[in-house]
Protein backbone atom coordinates (compact mmCIF):
# COMPACT_ATOMS: atom_id res chain seq x y z
CA UNK A 1 20.46 51.16 -8.34
CA UNK A 2 17.55 48.85 -9.42
CA UNK A 3 18.05 48.92 -12.95
CA UNK A 4 21.69 48.46 -12.34
CA UNK A 5 21.07 45.27 -10.43
CA UNK A 6 18.66 44.04 -13.37
CA UNK A 7 21.06 44.62 -15.89
CA UNK A 8 23.54 42.55 -13.82
CA UNK A 9 21.24 39.69 -13.55
CA UNK A 10 20.35 39.62 -17.18
CA UNK A 11 24.01 39.37 -18.07
CA UNK A 12 24.43 36.84 -15.71
CA UNK A 13 21.77 34.59 -17.14
CA UNK A 14 22.71 35.36 -20.73
CA UNK A 15 26.22 34.53 -20.02
CA UNK A 16 25.16 30.86 -18.78
CA UNK A 17 25.72 28.24 -21.47
CA UNK A 18 22.49 25.74 -22.84
CA UNK A 19 22.68 22.40 -22.27
CA UNK A 20 20.40 19.66 -23.06
CA UNK A 21 19.38 18.09 -19.55
CA UNK A 22 20.32 14.44 -19.81
CA UNK A 23 19.57 12.74 -16.27
CA UNK A 24 20.80 9.24 -17.68
CA UNK A 25 18.00 7.56 -16.47
CA UNK A 26 18.33 4.88 -19.05
CA UNK A 27 19.94 2.27 -16.97
CA UNK A 28 17.70 2.83 -13.77
CA UNK A 29 15.06 0.36 -12.53
CA UNK A 30 16.28 -2.05 -15.11
CA UNK A 31 14.95 -5.36 -14.31
CA UNK A 32 14.58 -5.08 -10.50
CA UNK A 33 12.44 -7.86 -8.88
CA UNK A 34 9.00 -6.68 -7.22
CA UNK A 35 7.31 -8.95 -4.88
CA UNK A 36 3.76 -8.10 -3.39
CA UNK A 37 2.83 -10.22 -0.59
CA UNK A 38 -0.22 -10.57 1.29
CA UNK A 39 -1.33 -13.41 3.39
CA UNK A 40 -4.26 -12.77 5.98
CA UNK A 41 -6.59 -14.90 8.51
CA UNK A 42 -9.29 -14.87 5.80
CA UNK A 43 -9.12 -17.41 3.00
CA UNK A 44 -10.57 -15.03 0.10
CA UNK A 45 -7.65 -12.42 0.89
CA UNK A 46 -4.36 -13.97 0.07
CA UNK A 47 -2.10 -12.05 -3.04
CA UNK A 48 1.06 -12.80 -3.63
CA UNK A 49 2.66 -11.44 -7.15
CA UNK A 50 6.36 -11.08 -8.59
CA UNK A 51 7.18 -8.73 -11.46
CA UNK A 52 10.06 -7.18 -12.72
CA UNK A 53 10.39 -3.36 -13.50
CA UNK A 54 11.59 -2.15 -16.91
CA UNK A 55 14.06 0.71 -17.71
CA UNK A 56 12.58 4.15 -16.51
CA UNK A 57 12.38 5.86 -19.79
CA UNK A 58 10.96 2.59 -21.86
CA UNK A 59 7.40 3.08 -20.96
CA UNK A 60 7.05 -0.75 -21.12
CA UNK A 61 4.54 -2.58 -19.40
CA UNK A 62 5.39 -4.16 -16.31
CA UNK A 63 6.93 -7.90 -16.81
CA UNK A 64 5.53 -10.68 -15.19
CA UNK A 65 7.42 -13.52 -13.20
CA UNK A 66 6.09 -16.69 -13.83
CA UNK A 67 8.85 -19.42 -12.73
CA UNK A 68 9.42 -18.65 -9.35
CA UNK A 69 9.53 -21.08 -6.52
CA UNK A 70 7.21 -19.49 -3.83
CA UNK A 71 7.16 -20.77 -0.21
CA UNK A 72 5.68 -19.94 3.18
CA UNK A 73 7.25 -21.35 6.23
CA UNK A 74 5.57 -21.44 9.71
CA UNK A 75 6.78 -23.51 12.91
CA UNK A 76 8.44 -26.22 10.39
CA UNK A 77 5.42 -26.49 7.96
CA UNK A 78 6.04 -25.65 4.04
CA UNK A 79 3.06 -23.71 1.85
CA UNK A 80 4.23 -23.68 -1.89
CA UNK A 81 2.34 -21.22 -3.69
CA UNK A 82 1.54 -22.25 -7.39
CA UNK A 83 1.61 -19.94 -10.49
CA UNK A 84 -1.93 -18.54 -11.69
CA UNK A 85 -1.50 -15.84 -14.10
CA UNK A 86 0.36 -12.89 -14.86
CA UNK A 87 3.06 -13.28 -11.72
CA UNK A 88 -0.19 -14.17 -9.08
CA UNK A 89 0.92 -17.28 -6.91
CA UNK A 90 -1.67 -18.94 -5.17
CA UNK A 91 -1.98 -20.55 -1.51
CA UNK A 92 -2.57 -24.23 -1.23
CA UNK A 93 -6.29 -25.02 -0.51
CA UNK A 94 -7.42 -23.65 2.80
CA UNK A 95 -4.40 -21.59 3.69
CA UNK A 96 -4.79 -19.06 6.40
CA UNK A 97 -2.67 -17.23 8.79
CA UNK A 98 -3.01 -17.60 12.25
CA UNK A 99 -2.84 -14.79 14.75
CA UNK A 100 0.40 -14.57 16.82
CA UNK A 101 2.30 -16.47 14.24
CA UNK A 102 5.43 -15.66 12.33
CA UNK A 103 5.56 -16.12 8.71
CA UNK A 104 8.57 -16.23 6.33
CA UNK A 105 8.33 -15.96 2.77
CA UNK A 106 11.15 -17.59 0.55
CA UNK A 107 11.04 -16.78 -3.36
CA UNK A 108 13.70 -18.68 -5.54
CA UNK A 109 13.86 -16.87 -9.15
CA UNK A 110 16.67 -17.92 -11.54
CA UNK A 111 18.93 -18.99 -8.82
CA UNK A 112 18.68 -15.90 -6.37
CA UNK A 113 16.40 -16.29 -3.47
CA UNK A 114 14.40 -13.25 -1.93
CA UNK A 115 13.39 -13.22 1.89
CA UNK A 116 11.23 -11.63 4.22
CA UNK A 117 9.11 -12.55 7.15
CA UNK A 118 6.07 -10.95 9.12
CA UNK A 119 4.27 -11.86 12.16
CA UNK A 120 0.41 -11.48 12.60
CA UNK A 121 -0.92 -9.03 14.96
CA UNK A 122 -4.09 -8.66 16.66
CA UNK A 123 -7.10 -7.58 14.83
CA UNK A 124 -9.00 -4.66 15.09
CA UNK A 125 -12.94 -4.67 14.79
CA UNK A 126 -15.17 -1.97 13.54
CA UNK A 127 -18.36 -1.70 15.75
CA UNK A 128 -20.38 0.14 13.16
CA UNK A 129 -20.50 2.17 10.15
CA UNK A 130 -22.09 5.20 8.62
CA UNK A 131 -21.55 7.47 5.73
CA UNK A 132 -22.87 11.11 4.36
CA UNK A 133 -22.83 12.69 1.30
CA UNK A 134 -19.34 13.75 0.72
CA UNK A 135 -19.40 17.58 0.83
CA UNK A 136 -16.63 18.22 -2.00
CA UNK A 137 -17.98 15.44 -4.40
CA UNK A 138 -21.74 15.27 -4.46
CA UNK A 139 -21.67 12.13 -6.36
CA UNK A 140 -19.44 10.54 -3.70
CA UNK A 141 -19.81 9.60 0.08
CA UNK A 142 -17.75 9.90 3.21
CA UNK A 143 -17.65 6.67 5.39
CA UNK A 144 -17.28 6.99 9.22
CA UNK A 145 -16.76 4.08 11.96
CA UNK A 146 -16.97 3.28 15.40
CA UNK A 147 -14.44 1.04 16.99
CA UNK A 148 -12.57 0.74 20.14
CA UNK A 149 -8.62 0.74 19.93
CA UNK A 150 -6.89 -2.25 21.65
CA UNK A 151 -5.29 -2.24 24.81
CA UNK A 152 -2.12 -2.98 23.23
CA UNK A 153 0.18 -0.36 22.44
CA UNK A 154 2.01 0.59 19.35
CA UNK A 155 -0.49 -0.97 17.00
CA UNK A 156 -0.94 -0.06 13.21
CA UNK A 157 -3.92 -0.46 10.98
CA UNK A 158 -4.83 -0.45 6.99
CA UNK A 159 -8.24 0.30 6.09
CA UNK A 160 -9.63 -0.73 2.88
CA UNK A 161 -12.81 -1.00 1.20
CA UNK A 162 -15.23 -2.88 -1.19
CA UNK A 163 -18.51 -1.45 -2.89
CA UNK A 164 -21.01 -4.30 -4.13
CA UNK A 165 -18.19 -6.66 -3.05
CA UNK A 166 -15.60 -5.13 -5.45
CA UNK A 167 -12.56 -4.49 -3.71
CA UNK A 168 -11.08 -0.80 -4.73
CA UNK A 169 -7.71 -1.92 -3.96
CA UNK A 170 -5.52 1.05 -5.16
CA UNK A 171 -2.86 2.96 -2.65
CA UNK A 172 -4.52 6.31 -2.95
CA UNK A 173 -7.82 4.73 -1.63
CA UNK A 174 -6.44 2.98 1.02
CA UNK A 175 -6.37 4.57 5.12
CA UNK A 176 -4.11 3.84 7.76
CA UNK A 177 -4.36 4.20 11.91
CA UNK A 178 -1.49 4.17 14.35
CA UNK A 179 -2.59 4.21 18.03
CA UNK A 180 0.84 5.61 19.12
CA UNK A 181 -1.01 8.67 20.60
CA UNK A 182 -4.10 7.55 21.29
CA UNK A 183 -4.18 3.79 22.42
CA UNK A 184 -7.04 2.24 24.09
CA UNK A 185 -9.20 4.99 23.32
CA UNK A 186 -12.78 4.89 21.66
CA UNK A 187 -13.47 6.32 18.60
CA UNK A 188 -16.89 7.60 17.37
CA UNK A 189 -17.94 8.79 13.88
CA UNK A 190 -14.48 9.10 12.67
CA UNK A 191 -13.69 9.59 9.18
CA UNK A 192 -12.18 6.65 7.22
CA UNK A 193 -12.74 7.27 3.56
CA UNK A 194 -13.53 10.38 1.42
CA UNK A 195 -14.67 10.37 -2.15
CA UNK A 196 -15.89 6.81 -2.12
CA UNK A 197 -17.54 6.54 -5.73
CA UNK A 198 -20.98 4.41 -5.47
CA UNK A 199 -24.84 4.83 -5.54
CA UNK A 200 -27.06 5.50 -2.26
CA UNK A 201 -27.95 2.04 -0.90
CA UNK A 202 -25.00 0.41 -2.46
CA UNK A 203 -23.17 -1.73 0.12
CA UNK A 204 -19.81 -0.66 1.37
CA UNK A 205 -17.56 -3.13 3.06
CA UNK A 206 -14.72 -1.70 5.15
CA UNK A 207 -11.86 -4.39 5.70
CA UNK A 208 -9.22 -3.70 8.49
CA UNK A 209 -5.73 -5.30 8.38
CA UNK A 210 -3.47 -5.33 11.36
CA UNK A 211 0.00 -4.31 9.89
CA UNK A 212 3.32 -3.86 10.94
CA UNK A 213 4.84 -0.37 11.96
CA UNK A 214 7.38 -0.90 9.07
CA UNK A 215 4.22 -1.68 6.55
CA UNK A 216 2.63 1.34 8.03
CA UNK A 217 5.62 3.60 7.00
CA UNK A 218 6.16 1.94 3.55
CA UNK A 219 2.26 2.80 2.70
CA UNK A 220 2.22 6.10 4.17
CA UNK A 221 5.66 6.95 2.17
CA UNK A 222 4.51 5.61 -1.00
CA UNK A 223 1.07 7.68 -0.55
CA UNK A 224 3.24 10.73 -0.25
CA UNK A 225 4.81 9.97 -3.24
CA UNK A 226 1.55 10.16 -5.22
CA UNK A 227 0.75 13.82 -3.74
CA UNK A 228 0.37 16.32 -6.62
CA UNK A 229 3.24 18.60 -5.79
CA UNK A 230 2.68 22.18 -4.46
CA UNK A 231 3.11 24.91 -7.27
CA UNK A 232 6.77 26.26 -7.31
CA UNK A 233 7.71 23.90 -4.34
CA UNK A 234 7.96 20.27 -5.87
CA UNK A 235 8.55 17.40 -3.35
CA UNK A 236 12.28 16.19 -3.63
CA UNK A 237 10.40 12.50 -3.01
CA UNK A 238 10.68 10.41 -0.18
CA UNK A 239 12.48 6.72 -0.35
CA UNK A 240 10.48 3.64 -0.05
CA UNK A 241 12.33 0.90 1.90
CA UNK A 242 10.56 -2.42 2.06
CA UNK A 243 11.41 -5.95 3.86
CA UNK A 244 12.54 -8.07 0.99
CA UNK A 245 16.02 -9.36 1.43
CA UNK A 246 18.67 -9.50 -2.06
CA UNK A 247 18.03 -6.00 -3.43
CA UNK A 248 14.51 -6.91 -4.30
CA UNK A 249 11.53 -4.08 -4.37
CA UNK A 250 8.22 -4.48 -2.24
CA UNK A 251 6.85 -5.73 0.99
CA UNK A 252 5.48 -8.96 2.67
CA UNK A 253 2.86 -8.79 5.32
CA UNK A 254 1.11 -11.05 7.58
CA UNK A 255 -2.19 -9.52 8.91
CA UNK A 256 -5.39 -10.44 10.81
CA UNK A 257 -8.37 -9.07 8.90
CA UNK A 258 -11.95 -8.09 10.04
CA UNK A 259 -14.85 -6.73 7.85
CA UNK A 260 -17.97 -4.51 8.52
CA UNK A 261 -20.61 -3.84 6.27
CA UNK A 262 -23.54 -1.24 5.84
CA UNK A 263 -25.57 0.59 3.06
CA UNK A 264 -24.59 3.56 1.73
CA UNK A 265 -26.90 6.74 2.77
CA UNK A 266 -27.08 10.21 2.18
CA UNK A 267 -28.07 11.75 5.29
């Protein structure tokens, strides 16, 4: 019986016609506008970058948009950002976001207007940091933190780190926290980062950004799409939804930011 089933299966496969797989992706992601905007309560952490995608199959470098008009509006005050280099736009001198205020982004490119808005929520301050050798990577560190979650409910935060004042600003190196299940709780010696590449006694600085729930989901979905697939069971991918209007990709976020530094040690 098993032999009969095997023969039938083989014949069914042999009967299938071979056709070249053509997903017709050449026209996808063609020249879509991408806006990556971050304004914070720190004058040193402001970023606005505007680019365009290329055809999916072309393998071309990201194209910078250098002719945009970028404006931030808050309480009847307008702040014009100026182009610096490779699609990066800088704020006017002295510009910082303020806690509790809502900021509206307007980007005009080739006669089309793209908008988004974001409100600066309360910051989260780390009390202290510690580190230890990463048990999975001997030359790397694990960074831990102590902090008290704010009394406000439904808060979301993003953690980034710098080594010797050089920011490791890579999506796969970011970590996030939500207090939906742990509101107003004190955390002690909790893992913030794994696999931190550095040397003992190097300075590590952890930056904490208050972020919206929508940006929290945006980051987590993007990170899931970068995870390696499970063998024989690849992920179908997750749709990543930003907050920019008019069909543009990306996200605009206004954040309160705090920072805490320590020297790395292998205990």
